[in-house]
Amino acid sequence: MRYLLCITLAALLLAIPLCCQNVNPNYPVELETQKHSSPEEIRQRLSNAQFQKDTKELAEVCASIPNDMDGLRQGLLSKDLVEKLKRVEKLSKRIREQLTRNSTAP
């Protein structure tokens, strides 16, 4: 009798943790594991970061040009005005290429 009581108690103690687990074997929850990025995803992320950096720099350079143009009207040529204008051309070309590449990508 005591042996039967011990076996029943042991079976209950082992069954309680099994009941508490909320696992549905028909629809197991996908475990969130570390997903490795594909090379394409890495390139896309870097491209987006570069695009953001280029647009920010273009906005900053464009914002500084009107002051230099005011000085030019007064006969003062800023020594870096030509370099700023070249930089605007280069950045705008790079941004335009990135936009056309992204718009034509499938």
N, C-alpha and C. Protein backbone atom coordinates (compact mmCIF):
# COMPACT_ATOMS: atom_id res chain seq x y z
N MET A 1 0.81 -1.18 0.00
CA MET A 1 0.00 0.00 0.00
C MET A 1 0.87 1.26 0.00
N ARG A 2 1.87 1.24 0.88
CA ARG A 2 2.77 2.37 0.96
C ARG A 2 3.55 2.50 -0.34
N TYR A 3 3.93 1.40 -0.91
CA TYR A 3 4.65 1.39 -2.18
C TYR A 3 3.79 1.99 -3.29
N LEU A 4 2.51 1.64 -3.33
CA LEU A 4 1.58 2.17 -4.33
C LEU A 4 1.38 3.67 -4.14
N LEU A 5 1.32 4.14 -2.92
CA LEU A 5 1.19 5.56 -2.63
C LEU A 5 2.43 6.32 -3.10
N CYS A 6 3.59 5.77 -2.89
CA CYS A 6 4.85 6.42 -3.32
C CYS A 6 4.91 6.50 -4.85
N ILE A 7 4.49 5.47 -5.53
CA ILE A 7 4.52 5.47 -6.99
C ILE A 7 3.52 6.49 -7.53
N THR A 8 2.33 6.56 -6.94
CA THR A 8 1.32 7.52 -7.37
C THR A 8 1.80 8.94 -7.13
N LEU A 9 2.41 9.18 -5.98
CA LEU A 9 2.93 10.51 -5.66
C LEU A 9 4.06 10.88 -6.62
N ALA A 10 4.93 9.95 -6.93
CA ALA A 10 6.02 10.21 -7.86
C ALA A 10 5.48 10.50 -9.27
N ALA A 11 4.47 9.76 -9.67
CA ALA A 11 3.87 9.99 -10.99
C ALA A 11 3.23 11.37 -11.05
N LEU A 12 2.56 11.79 -10.00
CA LEU A 12 1.96 13.12 -9.96
C LEU A 12 3.02 14.21 -9.99
N LEU A 13 4.10 14.02 -9.25
CA LEU A 13 5.17 15.02 -9.23
C LEU A 13 5.86 15.13 -10.59
N LEU A 14 5.92 14.04 -11.31
CA LEU A 14 6.51 14.09 -12.65
C LEU A 14 5.54 14.64 -13.67
N ALA A 15 4.25 14.46 -13.45
CA ALA A 15 3.25 14.90 -14.42
C ALA A 15 2.95 16.39 -14.31
N ILE A 16 3.11 16.97 -13.14
CA ILE A 16 2.80 18.39 -12.96
C ILE A 16 3.66 19.28 -13.86
N PRO A 17 4.98 19.10 -13.93
CA PRO A 17 5.76 19.95 -14.84
C PRO A 17 5.37 19.76 -16.30
N LEU A 18 4.95 18.56 -16.67
CA LEU A 18 4.55 18.32 -18.05
C LEU A 18 3.27 19.07 -18.40
N CYS A 19 2.35 19.17 -17.45
CA CYS A 19 1.10 19.88 -17.70
C CYS A 19 1.33 21.39 -17.78
N CYS A 20 2.32 21.88 -17.07
CA CYS A 20 2.56 23.32 -17.03
C CYS A 20 3.25 23.83 -18.29
N GLN A 21 3.86 22.95 -19.04
CA GLN A 21 4.50 23.40 -20.27
C GLN A 21 3.44 23.67 -21.31
N ASN A 22 3.47 24.85 -21.89
CA ASN A 22 2.47 25.26 -22.85
C ASN A 22 3.02 25.06 -24.27
N VAL A 23 3.16 23.81 -24.65
CA VAL A 23 3.68 23.49 -25.97
C VAL A 23 2.61 22.72 -26.72
N ASN A 24 2.26 23.23 -27.86
CA ASN A 24 1.30 22.56 -28.71
C ASN A 24 2.09 21.87 -29.81
N PRO A 25 2.17 20.56 -29.80
CA PRO A 25 3.01 19.87 -30.79
C PRO A 25 2.49 20.03 -32.22
N ASN A 26 1.22 20.35 -32.38
CA ASN A 26 0.69 20.56 -33.73
C ASN A 26 1.14 21.89 -34.32
N TYR A 27 1.30 22.91 -33.47
CA TYR A 27 1.71 24.24 -33.92
C TYR A 27 2.82 24.76 -33.01
N PRO A 28 4.01 24.25 -33.15
CA PRO A 28 5.08 24.71 -32.24
C PRO A 28 5.43 26.17 -32.53
N VAL A 29 5.69 26.88 -31.48
CA VAL A 29 6.08 28.29 -31.61
C VAL A 29 7.51 28.33 -32.15
N GLU A 30 7.70 29.17 -33.15
CA GLU A 30 9.03 29.29 -33.73
C GLU A 30 9.94 29.98 -32.72
N LEU A 31 11.03 29.33 -32.43
CA LEU A 31 11.96 29.89 -31.48
C LEU A 31 12.72 31.03 -32.15
N GLU A 32 12.87 32.09 -31.41
CA GLU A 32 13.61 33.22 -31.92
C GLU A 32 15.10 32.92 -31.76
N THR A 33 15.71 32.56 -32.83
CA THR A 33 17.14 32.30 -32.81
C THR A 33 17.83 33.44 -33.51
N GLN A 34 19.12 33.50 -33.32
CA GLN A 34 19.86 34.55 -33.99
C GLN A 34 19.87 34.26 -35.48
N LYS A 35 19.32 35.18 -36.24
CA LYS A 35 19.24 35.00 -37.67
C LYS A 35 20.41 35.72 -38.31
N HIS A 36 21.10 35.02 -39.16
CA HIS A 36 22.24 35.61 -39.84
C HIS A 36 21.76 36.32 -41.09
N SER A 37 22.26 37.51 -41.26
CA SER A 37 21.87 38.30 -42.43
C SER A 37 22.57 37.75 -43.66
N SER A 38 21.85 37.79 -44.75
CA SER A 38 22.44 37.37 -46.01
C SER A 38 23.32 38.50 -46.52
N PRO A 39 24.25 38.20 -47.42
CA PRO A 39 25.10 39.26 -47.97
C PRO A 39 24.28 40.36 -48.64
N GLU A 40 23.17 40.00 -49.25
CA GLU A 40 22.32 41.01 -49.89
C GLU A 40 21.71 41.96 -48.85
N GLU A 41 21.27 41.41 -47.71
CA GLU A 41 20.71 42.25 -46.65
C GLU A 41 21.77 43.18 -46.08
N ILE A 42 22.99 42.68 -45.92
CA ILE A 42 24.08 43.50 -45.40
C ILE A 42 24.39 44.63 -46.38
N ARG A 43 24.46 44.31 -47.67
CA ARG A 43 24.71 45.35 -48.68
C ARG A 43 23.61 46.39 -48.68
N GLN A 44 22.36 45.94 -48.57
CA GLN A 44 21.23 46.86 -48.56
C GLN A 44 21.29 47.79 -47.35
N ARG A 45 21.62 47.23 -46.19
CA ARG A 45 21.70 48.04 -44.98
C ARG A 45 22.82 49.07 -45.08
N LEU A 46 23.98 48.64 -45.60
CA LEU A 46 25.09 49.58 -45.78
C LEU A 46 24.76 50.63 -46.82
N SER A 47 24.05 50.23 -47.87
CA SER A 47 23.65 51.18 -48.90
C SER A 47 22.70 52.22 -48.33
N ASN A 48 21.77 51.78 -47.49
CA ASN A 48 20.83 52.72 -46.86
C ASN A 48 21.56 53.67 -45.92
N ALA A 49 22.54 53.15 -45.18
CA ALA A 49 23.30 54.01 -44.27
C ALA A 49 24.10 55.04 -45.07
N GLN A 50 24.70 54.61 -46.17
CA GLN A 50 25.47 55.53 -47.00
C GLN A 50 24.55 56.56 -47.63
N PHE A 51 23.36 56.14 -48.05
CA PHE A 51 22.38 57.05 -48.64
C PHE A 51 21.99 58.13 -47.63
N GLN A 52 21.71 57.72 -46.40
CA GLN A 52 21.35 58.68 -45.35
C GLN A 52 22.49 59.65 -45.08
N LYS A 53 23.71 59.13 -45.05
CA LYS A 53 24.87 59.97 -44.80
C LYS A 53 25.05 60.98 -45.94
N ASP A 54 24.91 60.51 -47.17
CA ASP A 54 25.07 61.40 -48.33
C ASP A 54 24.01 62.49 -48.35
N THR A 55 22.77 62.14 -48.07
CA THR A 55 21.70 63.15 -48.10
C THR A 55 21.89 64.18 -46.99
N LYS A 56 22.34 63.72 -45.83
CA LYS A 56 22.60 64.67 -44.73
C LYS A 56 23.73 65.62 -45.10
N GLU A 57 24.80 65.08 -45.65
CA GLU A 57 25.93 65.92 -46.04
C GLU A 57 25.54 66.89 -47.14
N LEU A 58 24.75 66.42 -48.11
CA LEU A 58 24.30 67.30 -49.19
C LEU A 58 23.48 68.45 -48.63
N ALA A 59 22.60 68.17 -47.69
CA ALA A 59 21.79 69.22 -47.09
C ALA A 59 22.66 70.23 -46.35
N GLU A 60 23.68 69.75 -45.64
CA GLU A 60 24.57 70.66 -44.91
C GLU A 60 25.37 71.54 -45.86
N VAL A 61 25.90 70.94 -46.93
CA VAL A 61 26.69 71.72 -47.88
C VAL A 61 25.81 72.74 -48.59
N CYS A 62 24.61 72.31 -48.98
CA CYS A 62 23.69 73.23 -49.66
C CYS A 62 23.28 74.39 -48.76
N ALA A 63 23.15 74.13 -47.46
CA ALA A 63 22.77 75.18 -46.52
C ALA A 63 23.88 76.21 -46.35
N SER A 64 25.13 75.82 -46.56
CA SER A 64 26.24 76.75 -46.37
C SER A 64 26.53 77.59 -47.61
N ILE A 65 26.01 77.21 -48.75
CA ILE A 65 26.32 77.91 -50.00
C ILE A 65 25.71 79.31 -50.09
N PRO A 66 24.48 79.56 -49.65
CA PRO A 66 23.93 80.92 -49.77
C PRO A 66 24.78 82.00 -49.10
N ASN A 67 25.38 81.70 -47.97
CA ASN A 67 26.26 82.68 -47.32
C ASN A 67 27.46 83.01 -48.20
N ASP A 68 28.02 81.97 -48.83
CA ASP A 68 29.16 82.20 -49.73
C ASP A 68 28.73 83.00 -50.96
N MET A 69 27.51 82.76 -51.44
CA MET A 69 27.01 83.49 -52.60
C MET A 69 26.78 84.97 -52.27
N ASP A 70 26.33 85.24 -51.04
CA ASP A 70 26.17 86.64 -50.61
C ASP A 70 27.53 87.35 -50.61
N GLY A 71 28.54 86.63 -50.14
CA GLY A 71 29.88 87.21 -50.16
C GLY A 71 30.37 87.43 -51.58
N LEU A 72 30.00 86.56 -52.49
CA LEU A 72 30.41 86.69 -53.89
C LEU A 72 29.79 87.94 -54.51
N ARG A 73 28.55 88.24 -54.14
CA ARG A 73 27.90 89.45 -54.65
C ARG A 73 28.63 90.71 -54.18
N GLN A 74 29.26 90.62 -53.03
CA GLN A 74 30.01 91.76 -52.50
C GLN A 74 31.45 91.79 -53.00
N GLY A 75 31.78 90.83 -53.86
CA GLY A 75 33.12 90.79 -54.43
C GLY A 75 34.10 89.92 -53.66
N LEU A 76 33.62 89.13 -52.71
CA LEU A 76 34.48 88.24 -51.93
C LEU A 76 34.24 86.80 -52.35
N LEU A 77 35.24 86.17 -52.90
CA LEU A 77 35.12 84.76 -53.32
C LEU A 77 35.67 83.88 -52.21
N SER A 78 34.80 83.09 -51.64
CA SER A 78 35.23 82.16 -50.60
C SER A 78 36.13 81.11 -51.23
N LYS A 79 37.23 80.80 -50.55
CA LYS A 79 38.20 79.88 -51.15
C LYS A 79 37.67 78.46 -51.30
N ASP A 80 36.68 78.09 -50.49
CA ASP A 80 36.15 76.72 -50.61
C ASP A 80 34.80 76.66 -51.31
N LEU A 81 34.35 77.76 -51.89
CA LEU A 81 33.07 77.76 -52.60
C LEU A 81 33.09 76.80 -53.79
N VAL A 82 34.16 76.82 -54.55
CA VAL A 82 34.27 75.93 -55.71
C VAL A 82 34.27 74.48 -55.25
N GLU A 83 34.98 74.20 -54.16
CA GLU A 83 35.01 72.83 -53.64
C GLU A 83 33.63 72.39 -53.14
N LYS A 84 32.91 73.31 -52.52
CA LYS A 84 31.55 72.99 -52.05
C LYS A 84 30.65 72.67 -53.24
N LEU A 85 30.75 73.46 -54.29
CA LEU A 85 29.91 73.22 -55.47
C LEU A 85 30.26 71.89 -56.13
N LYS A 86 31.54 71.55 -56.17
CA LYS A 86 31.95 70.24 -56.71
C LYS A 86 31.41 69.11 -55.83
N ARG A 87 31.43 69.33 -54.53
CA ARG A 87 30.93 68.31 -53.60
C ARG A 87 29.42 68.13 -53.77
N VAL A 88 28.70 69.23 -54.00
CA VAL A 88 27.25 69.15 -54.26
C VAL A 88 27.00 68.32 -55.51
N GLU A 89 27.78 68.56 -56.55
CA GLU A 89 27.61 67.78 -57.79
C GLU A 89 27.85 66.30 -57.54
N LYS A 90 28.93 66.00 -56.84
CA LYS A 90 29.29 64.61 -56.59
C LYS A 90 28.23 63.90 -55.75
N LEU A 91 27.79 64.55 -54.66
CA LEU A 91 26.79 63.94 -53.80
C LEU A 91 25.45 63.77 -54.50
N SER A 92 25.05 64.79 -55.26
CA SER A 92 23.76 64.68 -55.96
C SER A 92 23.80 63.58 -57.01
N LYS A 93 24.94 63.42 -57.67
CA LYS A 93 25.07 62.34 -58.66
C LYS A 93 24.97 60.98 -57.97
N ARG A 94 25.66 60.82 -56.83
CA ARG A 94 25.64 59.55 -56.12
C ARG A 94 24.24 59.24 -55.60
N ILE A 95 23.55 60.25 -55.07
CA ILE A 95 22.19 60.05 -54.57
C ILE A 95 21.25 59.69 -55.71
N ARG A 96 21.38 60.38 -56.84
CA ARG A 96 20.54 60.09 -58.01
C ARG A 96 20.76 58.66 -58.48
N GLU A 97 22.03 58.21 -58.51
CA GLU A 97 22.33 56.83 -58.94
C GLU A 97 21.71 55.83 -57.98
N GLN A 98 21.80 56.09 -56.67
CA GLN A 98 21.22 55.18 -55.70
C GLN A 98 19.71 55.11 -55.84
N LEU A 99 19.09 56.25 -56.08
CA LEU A 99 17.63 56.27 -56.25
C LEU A 99 17.20 55.53 -57.51
N THR A 100 17.91 55.72 -58.61
CA THR A 100 17.53 55.02 -59.84
C THR A 100 17.80 53.53 -59.71
N ARG A 101 18.87 53.15 -59.02
CA ARG A 101 19.17 51.74 -58.82
C ARG A 101 18.09 51.08 -57.97
N ASN A 102 17.64 51.76 -56.91
CA ASN A 102 16.60 51.20 -56.05
C ASN A 102 15.24 51.17 -56.72
N SER A 103 14.98 52.14 -57.60
CA SER A 103 13.67 52.16 -58.25
C SER A 103 13.59 51.12 -59.37
N THR A 104 14.72 50.74 -59.97
CA THR A 104 14.70 49.73 -61.02
C THR A 104 14.91 48.33 -60.49
N ALA A 105 15.30 48.21 -59.21
CA ALA A 105 15.51 46.87 -58.64
C ALA A 105 14.17 46.18 -58.49
N PRO A 106 14.14 44.82 -58.69
CA PRO A 106 12.87 44.10 -58.58
C PRO A 106 12.33 44.05 -57.19
